[in-house]
Protein backbone atom coordinates (compact mmCIF):
# COMPACT_ATOMS: atom_id res chain seq x y z
CA ASP A 1 -9.23 -10.61 1.22
CA GLN A 2 -9.05 -9.16 4.71
CA ILE A 3 -6.08 -7.25 6.06
CA THR A 4 -5.62 -5.64 9.47
CA LEU A 5 -2.90 -3.03 9.34
CA TYR A 6 -0.95 -1.76 12.33
CA VAL A 7 0.85 1.56 11.97
CA GLU A 8 2.91 3.26 14.66
CA VAL A 9 3.40 6.94 13.90
CA GLU A 10 5.68 9.13 15.99
CA GLY A 11 5.34 12.78 15.14
CA ASP A 12 5.11 12.67 11.37
CA VAL A 13 7.21 9.53 10.84
CA ILE A 14 5.98 5.95 10.46
CA ARG A 15 8.12 4.16 13.02
CA ASN A 16 6.66 0.71 12.50
CA ALA A 17 4.08 -1.02 10.34
CA GLY A 18 2.80 -4.56 10.23
CA PHE A 19 -0.24 -6.50 9.15
CA GLU A 20 -2.16 -9.66 9.70
CA GLY A 21 -4.83 -11.19 7.60
CA SER A 22 -5.58 -13.57 4.85
CA GLY A 23 -5.91 -13.23 1.15
CA CYS A 24 -4.40 -14.16 -2.13
CA ALA A 25 -0.66 -14.19 -2.71
CA ILE A 26 -0.76 -10.78 -4.40
CA SER A 27 -2.48 -8.98 -1.52
CA THR A 28 -0.26 -10.67 1.07
CA ALA A 29 2.92 -9.87 -0.87
CA SER A 30 1.78 -6.30 -1.43
CA ALA A 31 1.04 -5.83 2.29
CA SER A 32 4.37 -7.32 3.29
CA MET A 33 6.39 -5.20 0.89
CA MET A 34 4.37 -2.09 1.71
CA THR A 35 4.97 -2.35 5.47
CA GLY A 36 8.69 -2.63 4.84
CA ALA A 37 8.70 0.23 2.35
CA VAL A 38 6.93 2.78 4.58
CA LYS A 39 8.93 2.26 7.78
CA GLY A 40 10.93 5.40 8.47
CA LYS A 41 8.98 7.45 5.93
CA THR A 42 7.02 10.58 6.74
CA ARG A 43 3.28 10.62 6.12
CA THR A 44 3.88 12.75 3.03
CA GLU A 45 6.50 10.34 1.68
CA ALA A 46 4.18 7.38 2.33
CA GLU A 47 1.32 9.15 0.53
CA ARG A 48 3.58 9.82 -2.47
CA LEU A 49 4.58 6.17 -2.46
CA PHE A 50 0.88 5.20 -2.33
CA GLU A 51 0.12 7.41 -5.33
CA SER A 52 3.06 6.05 -7.30
CA PHE A 53 2.17 2.45 -6.45
CA HIS A 54 -1.47 3.03 -7.37
CA GLY A 55 -0.40 4.49 -10.72
CA LEU A 56 1.85 1.49 -11.28
CA VAL A 57 -0.81 -1.17 -10.68
CA THR A 58 -3.63 0.67 -12.44
CA GLY A 59 -1.53 1.73 -15.42
CA GLU A 60 -2.62 5.34 -14.84
CA GLY A 61 -0.28 8.25 -14.41
CA GLU A 62 3.49 8.16 -14.31
CA PRO A 63 4.68 6.03 -11.40
CA ASP A 64 8.10 6.87 -10.00
CA GLU A 65 9.65 3.43 -10.43
CA ALA A 66 12.95 4.61 -8.93
CA ALA A 67 11.13 5.61 -5.72
CA LEU A 68 9.16 2.36 -5.74
CA GLY A 69 12.28 0.21 -5.73
CA LYS A 70 11.34 -3.45 -5.20
CA LEU A 71 7.64 -2.54 -5.36
CA ALA A 72 8.08 -2.10 -9.13
CA VAL A 73 7.65 -5.90 -9.43
CA PHE A 74 3.90 -5.23 -9.23
CA ALA A 75 3.92 -3.45 -12.62
CA GLY A 76 2.43 -6.50 -14.34
CA VAL A 77 -0.69 -6.33 -12.17
CA SER A 78 -2.07 -3.55 -14.39
CA GLU A 79 -2.59 -6.15 -17.12
CA PHE A 80 -4.98 -8.08 -14.86
CA PRO A 81 -7.80 -5.76 -13.71
CA MET A 82 -9.21 -8.34 -11.30
CA ARG A 83 -5.87 -8.34 -9.44
CA VAL A 84 -5.51 -4.56 -9.10
CA LYS A 85 -7.76 -4.65 -6.04
CA CYS A 86 -5.65 -7.42 -4.53
CA ALA A 87 -2.45 -5.41 -4.84
CA SER A 88 -3.97 -2.09 -3.79
CA LEU A 89 -6.04 -3.20 -0.75
CA PRO A 90 -3.17 -2.84 1.76
CA TRP A 91 -2.28 0.56 0.31
CA HIS A 92 -5.84 1.85 0.56
CA THR A 93 -5.86 0.63 4.16
CA LEU A 94 -2.61 2.52 4.87
CA HIS A 95 -3.99 5.63 3.17
CA ALA A 96 -7.13 5.49 5.37
CA ALA A 97 -5.06 4.93 8.52
CA LEU A 98 -2.82 7.90 7.78
CA GLU A 99 -5.92 10.05 7.28
CA GLY A 100 -7.30 8.91 10.64
CA LYS A 101 -10.03 6.76 9.11
CA SER A 102 -8.80 3.58 10.73
CA ASN A 103 -12.03 2.48 12.41
CA GLY A 104 -14.04 0.12 10.28
CA PRO A 105 -13.53 -1.55 6.93
CA VAL A 106 -11.67 0.01 4.03
CA SER A 107 -12.70 -0.64 0.45
CA THR A 108 -10.78 -0.44 -2.81
CA GLU A 109 -13.92 0.79 -4.56
């Protein structure tokens, strides 16, 4: 799967986010829902959402399903380890972009 993520940050707020790329249905759906979920959020709020989503799809930790909203539909991914990377790739890309590591490929490893 390959995703290119576009994030417009103004001050500390994500004003816009979008993506293009190809991949399986899970990675595409995750990227689409993620870009919608982070618009209007601060970097800190987006990072918390990333952590909660990662906990949800890996089955680790206590994800805040109330904060995740519609993203909670990805809960079943934790039962399919080969699909965790598909769901989390866009989120790892967002995490890297928010940390300023946007040049070059991002891995879910």
